[in-house]
C-alpha atoms as a PDB file:
ATOM      1  CA  MET A   1     169.518 117.297 184.479  1.00  0.00           C
ATOM      2  CA  SER A   2     167.522 120.309 185.598  1.00  0.00           C
ATOM      3  CA  THR A   3     168.409 122.227 182.455  1.00  0.00           C
ATOM      4  CA  LEU A   4     166.586 119.833 180.160  1.00  0.00           C
ATOM      5  CA  PRO A   5     163.043 120.754 181.199  1.00  0.00           C
ATOM      6  CA  SER A   6     163.877 124.464 181.017  1.00  0.00           C
ATOM      7  CA  GLN A   7     165.257 124.135 177.500  1.00  0.00           C
ATOM      8  CA  LYS A   8     162.174 122.205 176.475  1.00  0.00           C
ATOM      9  CA  ALA A   9     159.955 124.854 178.064  1.00  0.00           C
ATOM     10  CA  GLN A  10     161.805 127.598 176.208  1.00  0.00           C
ATOM     11  CA  GLY A  11     161.338 125.683 172.973  1.00  0.00           C
ATOM     12  CA  ASP A  12     157.629 125.365 173.656  1.00  0.00           C
ATOM     13  CA  VAL A  13     157.368 129.104 174.306  1.00  0.00           C
ATOM     14  CA  VAL A  14     159.173 129.900 171.063  1.00  0.00           C
ATOM     15  CA  ALA A  15     156.917 127.500 169.132  1.00  0.00           C
ATOM     16  CA  MET A  16     153.785 129.048 170.672  1.00  0.00           C
ATOM     17  CA  SER A  17     155.053 132.551 169.867  1.00  0.00           C
ATOM     18  CA  ALA A  18     155.710 131.569 166.248  1.00  0.00           C
ATOM     19  CA  GLN A  19     152.231 130.103 165.935  1.00  0.00           C
ATOM     20  CA  ALA A  20     150.751 133.346 167.269  1.00  0.00           C
ATOM     21  CA  PHE A  21     152.355 135.369 164.472  1.00  0.00           C
ATOM     22  CA  GLY A  22     150.248 136.363 161.498  1.00  0.00           C
ATOM     23  CA  LEU A  23     151.115 137.210 157.922  1.00  0.00           C
ATOM     24  CA  ARG A  24     151.864 140.819 158.855  1.00  0.00           C
ATOM     25  CA  GLN A  25     154.512 139.810 161.393  1.00  0.00           C
ATOM     26  CA  TYR A  26     156.170 137.459 158.904  1.00  0.00           C
ATOM     27  CA  LEU A  27     156.297 140.232 156.289  1.00  0.00           C
ATOM     28  CA  ILE A  28     157.790 142.633 158.828  1.00  0.00           C
ATOM     29  CA  CYS A  29     160.493 140.068 159.584  1.00  0.00           C
ATOM     30  CA  LEU A  30     161.215 139.610 155.869  1.00  0.00           C
ATOM     31  CA  LYS A  31     161.327 143.381 155.370  1.00  0.00           C
ATOM     32  CA  GLY A  32     163.776 143.801 158.245  1.00  0.00           C
ATOM     33  CA  ILE A  33     166.164 141.186 156.876  1.00  0.00           C
ATOM     34  CA  MET A  34     165.962 142.636 153.360  1.00  0.00           C
ATOM     35  CA  VAL A  35     166.606 146.178 154.611  1.00  0.00           C
ATOM     36  CA  ARG A  36     169.606 144.953 156.606  1.00  0.00           C
ATOM     37  CA  GLU A  37     171.042 143.172 153.579  1.00  0.00           C
ATOM     38  CA  GLY A  38     170.393 146.217 151.384  1.00  0.00           C
ATOM     39  CA  LEU A  39     172.090 148.603 153.821  1.00  0.00           C
ATOM     40  CA  ARG A  40     175.059 146.280 154.082  1.00  0.00           C
ATOM     41  CA  PHE A  41     175.383 146.261 150.300  1.00  0.00           C
ATOM     42  CA  VAL A  42     175.018 150.053 150.018  1.00  0.00           C
ATOM     43  CA  ASN A  43     177.671 150.629 152.666  1.00  0.00           C
ATOM     44  CA  GLN A  44     180.073 148.313 150.860  1.00  0.00           C
ATOM     45  CA  ARG A  45     180.592 150.322 147.695  1.00  0.00           C
ATOM     46  CA  GLU A  46     183.623 148.322 146.657  1.00  0.00           C
ATOM     47  CA  ARG A  47     181.392 145.240 146.576  1.00  0.00           C
ATOM     48  CA  PHE A  48     179.073 146.940 144.062  1.00  0.00           C
ATOM     49  CA  ILE A  49     181.976 148.187 141.947  1.00  0.00           C
ATOM     50  CA  SER A  50     183.682 144.790 141.879  1.00  0.00           C
ATOM     51  CA  SER A  51     180.414 143.089 140.942  1.00  0.00           C
ATOM     52  CA  LEU A  52     180.288 145.269 137.816  1.00  0.00           C
ATOM     53  CA  VAL A  53     183.985 145.468 136.956  1.00  0.00           C
ATOM     54  CA  ARG A  54     184.411 141.687 136.826  1.00  0.00           C
ATOM     55  CA  PRO A  55     181.774 140.962 134.126  1.00  0.00           C
ATOM     56  CA  LEU A  56     182.555 144.177 132.226  1.00  0.00           C
ATOM     57  CA  VAL A  57     186.203 143.150 131.919  1.00  0.00           C
ATOM     58  CA  TRP A  58     185.089 139.848 130.378  1.00  0.00           C
ATOM     59  CA  LEU A  59     182.571 141.605 128.152  1.00  0.00           C
ATOM     60  CA  LEU A  60     184.699 144.467 126.842  1.00  0.00           C
ATOM     61  CA  ILE A  61     188.205 142.960 126.857  1.00  0.00           C
ATOM     62  CA  PHE A  62     187.970 139.187 126.755  1.00  0.00           C
ATOM     63  CA  ALA A  63     185.106 139.163 124.236  1.00  0.00           C
ATOM     64  CA  ALA A  64     186.826 141.696 121.982  1.00  0.00           C
ATOM     65  CA  GLY A  65     189.980 139.596 121.860  1.00  0.00           C
ATOM     66  CA  PHE A  66     188.214 136.297 121.191  1.00  0.00           C
ATOM     67  CA  ARG A  67     185.453 137.553 118.893  1.00  0.00           C
ATOM     68  CA  GLN A  68     187.164 136.275 115.757  1.00  0.00           C
ATOM     69  CA  VAL A  69     188.388 133.049 117.349  1.00  0.00           C
ATOM     70  CA  LEU A  70     185.271 131.795 119.113  1.00  0.00           C
ATOM     71  CA  GLY A  71     182.489 132.089 116.606  1.00  0.00           C
ATOM     72  CA  VAL A  72     179.006 131.022 117.650  1.00  0.00           C
ATOM     73  CA  SER A  73     176.811 129.117 115.236  1.00  0.00           C
ATOM     74  CA  ILE A  74     173.024 129.286 115.085  1.00  0.00           C
ATOM     75  CA  ILE A  75     171.862 127.432 118.183  1.00  0.00           C
ATOM     76  CA  PRO A  76     168.731 127.885 120.289  1.00  0.00           C
ATOM     77  CA  PRO A  77     167.559 130.381 121.402  1.00  0.00           C
ATOM     78  CA  TYR A  78     169.376 132.341 118.665  1.00  0.00           C
ATOM     79  CA  LYS A  79     167.758 132.457 115.250  1.00  0.00           C
ATOM     80  CA  THR A  80     170.756 134.074 113.556  1.00  0.00           C
ATOM     81  CA  TYR A  81     174.482 134.278 114.078  1.00  0.00           C
ATOM     82  CA  VAL A  82     175.336 136.405 117.108  1.00  0.00           C
ATOM     83  CA  LEU A  83     178.477 138.178 118.191  1.00  0.00           C
ATOM     84  CA  TYR A  84     180.534 136.506 120.873  1.00  0.00           C
ATOM     85  CA  GLU A  85     179.853 139.290 123.389  1.00  0.00           C
ATOM     86  CA  VAL A  86     176.136 138.761 122.884  1.00  0.00           C
ATOM     87  CA  TYR A  87     176.537 135.054 123.564  1.00  0.00           C
ATOM     88  CA  ILE A  88     178.462 135.471 126.827  1.00  0.00           C
ATOM     89  CA  THR A  89     176.130 138.137 128.257  1.00  0.00           C
ATOM     90  CA  PRO A  90     173.747 135.585 129.881  1.00  0.00           C
ATOM     91  CA  GLY A  91     176.763 133.770 131.308  1.00  0.00           C
ATOM     92  CA  LEU A  92     178.041 137.031 132.782  1.00  0.00           C
ATOM     93  CA  CYS A  93     174.637 137.583 134.366  1.00  0.00           C
ATOM     94  CA  GLY A  94     175.064 134.149 135.907  1.00  0.00           C
ATOM     95  CA  MET A  95     178.565 135.154 137.043  1.00  0.00           C
ATOM     96  CA  ILE A  96     177.108 138.082 138.971  1.00  0.00           C
ATOM     97  CA  LEU A  97     174.549 135.815 140.629  1.00  0.00           C
ATOM     98  CA  LEU A  98     177.227 133.238 141.442  1.00  0.00           C
ATOM     99  CA  PHE A  99     179.694 135.644 143.031  1.00  0.00           C
ATOM    100  CA  SER A 100     176.965 137.601 144.815  1.00  0.00           C
ATOM    101  CA  GLY A 101     175.449 134.401 146.195  1.00  0.00           C
ATOM    102  CA  MET A 102     178.793 133.305 147.580  1.00  0.00           C
ATOM    103  CA  GLN A 103     179.446 136.753 149.072  1.00  0.00           C
ATOM    104  CA  SER A 104     176.069 136.589 150.761  1.00  0.00           C
ATOM    105  CA  SER A 105     177.137 133.280 152.246  1.00  0.00           C
ATOM    106  CA  LEU A 106     180.372 134.913 153.352  1.00  0.00           C
ATOM    107  CA  SER A 107     178.291 137.288 155.456  1.00  0.00           C
ATOM    108  CA  MET A 108     176.762 134.244 157.177  1.00  0.00           C
ATOM    109  CA  VAL A 109     180.231 133.070 158.205  1.00  0.00           C
ATOM    110  CA  TYR A 110     181.150 136.598 159.339  1.00  0.00           C
ATOM    111  CA  ASP A 111     177.943 137.013 161.353  1.00  0.00           C
ATOM    112  CA  ARG A 112     178.519 133.640 162.977  1.00  0.00           C
ATOM    113  CA  GLU A 113     182.043 134.601 164.050  1.00  0.00           C
ATOM    114  CA  MET A 114     181.009 138.058 165.286  1.00  0.00           C
ATOM    115  CA  GLY A 115     177.986 136.703 167.128  1.00  0.00           C
ATOM    116  CA  ASN A 116     175.428 138.666 165.091  1.00  0.00           C
ATOM    117  CA  MET A 117     173.790 135.479 163.845  1.00  0.00           C
ATOM    118  CA  ARG A 118     172.698 134.579 167.355  1.00  0.00           C
ATOM    119  CA  THR A 119     170.462 137.644 167.425  1.00  0.00           C
ATOM    120  CA  LEU A 120     168.788 136.446 164.248  1.00  0.00           C
ATOM    121  CA  LEU A 121     168.517 132.765 165.068  1.00  0.00           C
ATOM    122  CA  VAL A 122     167.094 133.229 168.582  1.00  0.00           C
ATOM    123  CA  SER A 123     164.100 134.948 167.031  1.00  0.00           C
ATOM    124  CA  PRO A 124     160.776 133.160 167.684  1.00  0.00           C
ATOM    125  CA  PHE A 125     160.275 132.879 163.941  1.00  0.00           C
ATOM    126  CA  PRO A 126     160.912 129.417 162.440  1.00  0.00           C
ATOM    127  CA  ARG A 127     164.522 128.768 161.545  1.00  0.00           C
ATOM    128  CA  TRP A 128     163.637 127.808 157.971  1.00  0.00           C
ATOM    129  CA  TYR A 129     161.767 131.098 157.481  1.00  0.00           C
ATOM    130  CA  LEU A 130     164.740 133.153 158.670  1.00  0.00           C
ATOM    131  CA  LEU A 131     167.056 131.334 156.269  1.00  0.00           C
ATOM    132  CA  VAL A 132     164.647 131.693 153.354  1.00  0.00           C
ATOM    133  CA  SER A 133     164.272 135.410 154.136  1.00  0.00           C
ATOM    134  CA  LYS A 134     168.048 135.720 154.137  1.00  0.00           C
ATOM    135  CA  LEU A 135     168.144 134.002 150.746  1.00  0.00           C
ATOM    136  CA  ILE A 136     165.460 136.257 149.273  1.00  0.00           C
ATOM    137  CA  ALA A 137     167.311 139.334 150.501  1.00  0.00           C
ATOM    138  CA  GLY A 138     170.556 138.143 148.951  1.00  0.00           C
ATOM    139  CA  VAL A 139     168.877 137.288 145.651  1.00  0.00           C
ATOM    140  CA  THR A 140     167.197 140.708 145.494  1.00  0.00           C
ATOM    141  CA  VAL A 141     170.574 142.428 145.802  1.00  0.00           C
ATOM    142  CA  SER A 142     172.005 140.110 143.127  1.00  0.00           C
ATOM    143  CA  ILE A 143     169.199 140.842 140.679  1.00  0.00           C
ATOM    144  CA  ALA A 144     169.705 144.583 141.109  1.00  0.00           C
ATOM    145  CA  GLN A 145     173.369 144.135 140.154  1.00  0.00           C
ATOM    146  CA  VAL A 146     172.411 142.095 137.075  1.00  0.00           C
ATOM    147  CA  TYR A 147     170.058 144.785 135.790  1.00  0.00           C
ATOM    148  CA  VAL A 148     172.721 147.473 136.267  1.00  0.00           C
ATOM    149  CA  PHE A 149     175.099 145.300 134.246  1.00  0.00           C
ATOM    150  CA  LEU A 150     172.499 144.823 131.501  1.00  0.00           C
ATOM    151  CA  LEU A 151     171.976 148.593 131.422  1.00  0.00           C
ATOM    152  CA  VAL A 152     175.694 149.203 130.976  1.00  0.00           C
ATOM    153  CA  ALA A 153     175.868 146.492 128.306  1.00  0.00           C
ATOM    154  CA  TYR A 154     172.952 148.152 126.493  1.00  0.00           C
ATOM    155  CA  PHE A 155     175.009 151.289 125.967  1.00  0.00           C
ATOM    156  CA  PHE A 156     177.700 149.128 124.370  1.00  0.00           C
ATOM    157  CA  SER A 157     175.154 147.971 121.755  1.00  0.00           C
ATOM    158  CA  ILE A 158     174.515 144.601 123.419  1.00  0.00           C
ATOM    159  CA  LYS A 159     170.742 144.588 123.287  1.00  0.00           C
ATOM    160  CA  MET A 160     168.196 141.915 124.020  1.00  0.00           C
ATOM    161  CA  PRO A 161     164.513 141.817 122.983  1.00  0.00           C
ATOM    162  CA  PRO A 162     162.685 144.481 125.029  1.00  0.00           C
ATOM    163  CA  LEU A 163     160.308 141.953 126.558  1.00  0.00           C
ATOM    164  CA  GLY A 164     163.278 139.775 127.497  1.00  0.00           C
ATOM    165  CA  TYR A 165     164.413 142.215 130.185  1.00  0.00           C
ATOM    166  CA  LEU A 166     161.141 141.596 132.014  1.00  0.00           C
ATOM    167  CA  PHE A 167     160.788 137.917 131.095  1.00  0.00           C
ATOM    168  CA  VAL A 168     164.216 137.128 132.548  1.00  0.00           C
ATOM    169  CA  LEU A 169     163.279 138.329 136.047  1.00  0.00           C
ATOM    170  CA  PRO A 170     161.818 134.975 137.259  1.00  0.00           C
ATOM    171  CA  ALA A 171     164.791 133.140 135.749  1.00  0.00           C
ATOM    172  CA  LEU A 172     167.208 135.414 137.589  1.00  0.00           C
ATOM    173  CA  PHE A 173     165.310 134.876 140.827  1.00  0.00           C
ATOM    174  CA  LEU A 174     165.341 131.078 140.529  1.00  0.00           C
ATOM    175  CA  ALA A 175     168.990 130.916 139.473  1.00  0.00           C
ATOM    176  CA  GLY A 176     170.010 133.322 142.225  1.00  0.00           C
ATOM    177  CA  LEU A 177     168.023 131.380 144.802  1.00  0.00           C
ATOM    178  CA  MET A 178     169.756 128.140 143.793  1.00  0.00           C
ATOM    179  CA  LEU A 179     173.243 129.667 143.997  1.00  0.00           C
ATOM    180  CA  CYS A 180     172.556 131.457 147.290  1.00  0.00           C
ATOM    181  CA  ALA A 181     171.163 128.238 148.777  1.00  0.00           C
ATOM    182  CA  LEU A 182     174.297 126.391 147.666  1.00  0.00           C
ATOM    183  CA  GLY A 183     176.483 129.056 149.237  1.00  0.00           C
ATOM    184  CA  MET A 184     174.482 128.962 152.456  1.00  0.00           C
ATOM    185  CA  PHE A 185     174.840 125.190 152.656  1.00  0.00           C
ATOM    186  CA  LEU A 186     178.602 125.487 152.142  1.00  0.00           C
ATOM    187  CA  SER A 187     178.831 128.231 154.778  1.00  0.00           C
ATOM    188  CA  SER A 188     177.377 125.846 157.360  1.00  0.00           C
ATOM    189  CA  MET A 189     180.417 123.597 156.956  1.00  0.00           C
ATOM    190  CA  ILE A 190     183.023 126.363 157.326  1.00  0.00           C
ATOM    191  CA  LYS A 191     184.233 127.141 160.833  1.00  0.00           C
ATOM    192  CA  GLN A 192     186.412 130.196 160.246  1.00  0.00           C
ATOM    193  CA  LEU A 193     186.201 133.163 157.925  1.00  0.00           C
ATOM    194  CA  GLU A 194     189.759 132.613 156.687  1.00  0.00           C
ATOM    195  CA  ASN A 195     188.817 129.225 155.240  1.00  0.00           C
ATOM    196  CA  PHE A 196     185.922 130.560 153.199  1.00  0.00           C
ATOM    197  CA  SER A 197     187.895 132.096 150.318  1.00  0.00           C
ATOM    198  CA  GLY A 198     189.838 128.890 149.735  1.00  0.00           C
ATOM    199  CA  VAL A 199     186.711 126.761 149.662  1.00  0.00           C
ATOM    200  CA  MET A 200     184.974 129.194 147.319  1.00  0.00           C
ATOM    201  CA  ASN A 201     187.851 129.027 144.843  1.00  0.00           C
ATOM    202  CA  PHE A 202     187.159 125.311 144.519  1.00  0.00           C
ATOM    203  CA  VAL A 203     183.470 126.061 143.878  1.00  0.00           C
ATOM    204  CA  ILE A 204     183.094 129.330 141.961  1.00  0.00           C
ATOM    205  CA  PHE A 205     185.697 128.932 139.233  1.00  0.00           C
ATOM    206  CA  PRO A 206     185.059 125.249 138.413  1.00  0.00           C
ATOM    207  CA  MET A 207     181.315 125.920 138.266  1.00  0.00           C
ATOM    208  CA  TYR A 208     181.793 128.930 136.018  1.00  0.00           C
ATOM    209  CA  PHE A 209     184.312 127.523 133.568  1.00  0.00           C
ATOM    210  CA  ALA A 210     182.657 124.086 133.356  1.00  0.00           C
ATOM    211  CA  SER A 211     179.485 125.618 131.941  1.00  0.00           C
ATOM    212  CA  PRO A 212     178.204 127.171 128.699  1.00  0.00           C
ATOM    213  CA  ALA A 213     178.811 130.662 130.105  1.00  0.00           C
ATOM    214  CA  LEU A 214     181.801 131.297 127.817  1.00  0.00           C
ATOM    215  CA  TYR A 215     181.421 128.729 125.036  1.00  0.00           C
ATOM    216  CA  PRO A 216     178.669 126.466 123.658  1.00  0.00           C
ATOM    217  CA  LEU A 217     178.553 122.930 124.987  1.00  0.00           C
ATOM    218  CA  TRP A 218     178.784 121.455 121.510  1.00  0.00           C
ATOM    219  CA  ARG A 219     182.275 122.936 121.214  1.00  0.00           C
ATOM    220  CA  VAL A 220     183.199 121.448 124.582  1.00  0.00           C
ATOM    221  CA  GLN A 221     181.908 118.053 123.438  1.00  0.00           C
ATOM    222  CA  GLN A 222     184.094 118.176 120.335  1.00  0.00           C
ATOM    223  CA  SER A 223     187.266 119.002 122.255  1.00  0.00           C
ATOM    224  CA  SER A 224     186.774 117.131 125.545  1.00  0.00           C
ATOM    225  CA  PRO A 225     183.980 114.585 126.073  1.00  0.00           C
ATOM    226  CA  ILE A 226     184.957 114.264 129.748  1.00  0.00           C
ATOM    227  CA  LEU A 227     184.585 117.998 130.342  1.00  0.00           C
ATOM    228  CA  TYR A 228     181.284 117.865 128.494  1.00  0.00           C
ATOM    229  CA  LYS A 229     180.007 115.267 130.966  1.00  0.00           C
ATOM    230  CA  ILE A 230     181.165 117.444 133.857  1.00  0.00           C
ATOM    231  CA  CYS A 231     179.303 120.403 132.378  1.00  0.00           C
ATOM    232  CA  GLN A 232     176.147 118.316 132.181  1.00  0.00           C
ATOM    233  CA  PHE A 233     176.336 117.573 135.915  1.00  0.00           C
ATOM    234  CA  ASN A 234     177.061 121.197 136.785  1.00  0.00           C
ATOM    235  CA  PRO A 235     173.904 122.965 138.110  1.00  0.00           C
ATOM    236  CA  PHE A 236     175.317 126.317 137.025  1.00  0.00           C
ATOM    237  CA  THR A 237     175.063 125.108 133.417  1.00  0.00           C
ATOM    238  CA  TYR A 238     171.285 125.017 133.644  1.00  0.00           C
ATOM    239  CA  ALA A 239     171.126 128.340 135.471  1.00  0.00           C
ATOM    240  CA  VAL A 240     172.966 129.988 132.564  1.00  0.00           C
ATOM    241  CA  GLU A 241     170.766 128.318 129.942  1.00  0.00           C
ATOM    242  CA  LEU A 242     167.616 129.282 131.841  1.00  0.00           C
ATOM    243  CA  ILE A 243     168.748 132.917 131.812  1.00  0.00           C
ATOM    244  CA  ARG A 244     169.822 132.742 128.159  1.00  0.00           C
ATOM    245  CA  PHE A 245     166.469 131.450 126.929  1.00  0.00           C
ATOM    246  CA  ALA A 246     164.525 133.838 129.178  1.00  0.00           C
ATOM    247  CA  LEU A 247     166.362 136.844 127.734  1.00  0.00           C
ATOM    248  CA  TYR A 248     164.912 135.818 124.365  1.00  0.00           C
ATOM    249  CA  VAL A 249     161.424 135.276 125.804  1.00  0.00           C
ATOM    250  CA  GLN A 250     161.684 131.484 125.747  1.00  0.00           C
ATOM    251  CA  ILE A 251     161.599 128.795 128.418  1.00  0.00           C
ATOM    252  CA  ASP A 252     164.076 125.948 128.598  1.00  0.00           C
ATOM    253  CA  TRP A 253     161.888 123.514 130.510  1.00  0.00           C
ATOM    254  CA  PHE A 254     164.626 121.030 131.275  1.00  0.00           C
ATOM    255  CA  SER A 255     166.892 123.743 132.712  1.00  0.00           C
ATOM    256  CA  LEU A 256     163.941 125.068 134.700  1.00  0.00           C
ATOM    257  CA  ALA A 257     163.299 121.637 136.222  1.00  0.00           C
ATOM    258  CA  VAL A 258     166.974 121.157 137.121  1.00  0.00           C
ATOM    259  CA  VAL A 259     167.272 124.613 138.709  1.00  0.00           C
ATOM    260  CA  VAL A 260     164.097 124.148 140.767  1.00  0.00           C
ATOM    261  CA  GLY A 261     165.198 120.669 141.877  1.00  0.00           C
ATOM    262  CA  CYS A 262     168.690 121.827 142.861  1.00  0.00           C
ATOM    263  CA  THR A 263     167.249 124.833 144.686  1.00  0.00           C
ATOM    264  CA  LEU A 264     165.023 122.604 146.815  1.00  0.00           C
ATOM    265  CA  LEU A 265     167.924 120.216 147.465  1.00  0.00           C
ATOM    266  CA  PHE A 266     170.412 122.919 148.486  1.00  0.00           C
ATOM    267  CA  LEU A 267     167.810 124.772 150.534  1.00  0.00           C
ATOM    268  CA  ALA A 268     166.833 121.617 152.403  1.00  0.00           C
ATOM    269  CA  GLY A 269     170.492 120.917 153.095  1.00  0.00           C
ATOM    270  CA  ALA A 270     171.033 124.446 154.431  1.00  0.00           C
ATOM    271  CA  ILE A 271     167.959 124.267 156.685  1.00  0.00           C
ATOM    272  CA  VAL A 272     169.071 120.922 158.121  1.00  0.00           C
ATOM    273  CA  ALA A 273     172.657 122.150 158.544  1.00  0.00           C
ATOM    274  CA  TYR A 274     171.551 125.258 160.447  1.00  0.00           C
ATOM    275  CA  ASP A 275     169.150 123.290 162.646  1.00  0.00           C
ATOM    276  CA  PRO A 276     170.740 123.311 166.125  1.00  0.00           C
ATOM    277  CA  SER A 277     169.302 119.902 167.003  1.00  0.00           C
ATOM    278  CA  ARG A 278     170.554 117.927 164.010  1.00  0.00           C
ATOM    279  CA  GLY A 279     172.663 120.218 161.854  1.00  0.00           C
ATOM    280  CA  LEU A 280     176.355 120.246 161.060  1.00  0.00           C
ATOM    281  CA  MET A 281     176.932 123.415 163.051  1.00  0.00           C
ATOM    282  CA  ASN A 282     175.778 121.798 166.275  1.00  0.00           C
ATOM    283  CA  ARG A 283     178.023 118.781 165.709  1.00  0.00           C
ATOM    284  CA  LYS A 284     181.019 121.002 165.150  1.00  0.00           C
ATOM    285  CA  GLN A 285     180.328 122.993 168.288  1.00  0.00           C
ATOM    286  CA  ASP A 286     179.993 119.783 170.305  1.00  0.00           C
ATOM    287  CA  THR A 287     183.234 118.469 168.875  1.00  0.00           C
ATOM    288  CA  GLY A 288     185.020 121.715 169.656  1.00  0.00           C
ATOM    289  CA  GLY A 289     183.638 121.776 173.190  1.00  0.00           C
ATOM    290  CA  ASN A 290     184.702 118.213 173.905  1.00  0.00           C
ATOM    291  CA  ALA A 291     188.132 118.915 172.573  1.00  0.00           C
END
């Protein structure tokens, strides 16, 4: 019984400390989390190499083999017929964001098992701000990988409008934020690191293949109306289309609305799940302690 007032007092102290922080302190916190995520990525060279090898294999091998089989008709945002490798490039950008977002979530599970997350979460900064900073750091790393991929693709004569490389930046940020928030929400429901890869296989590959990343939706509708409906309910579908239109200096407003809505939904779920007073993590710990 005596521990309850002390815990409440500690919570009051943390709340007062957070209120005393100014914009400068919040930016320093964000910078620290971003630097930590960047150093982790730099020190894991195999992660950078794998993030490039995976889409390049699809671009240079898969696309070359299916170029004559999977023709792409004139559909928005394309004004002329395009080669198959040009069509799948936005989807491969989405692939990088998807895999990178899930790997960033993997680090959350790892930090939780190793105890590093406690150092972050006991900070007097608001829990939601720490999670959002973690998301921004992960998205920044993802975007850097996408631009390296686009640079490599450029040397293989896969070129977008020059302004598109700049116009796509907000689309990449929103799509990456949505996928990282989804991964963070999923990480809150995973107890052990060993279980993460299995869960991700039931998320990454269905999301990727049930989308217009590799083939237009009108072709999917002709061959499988059920799969077409699944693609329509897949948030990754709208992330890919948002990137595709942005690369050609256009805005797909419906995809933008869906991505923003899903981002807010997944982010809210992650914040609630990582809240020690009402989140899923706390319930699991209580269950494990009672057992």
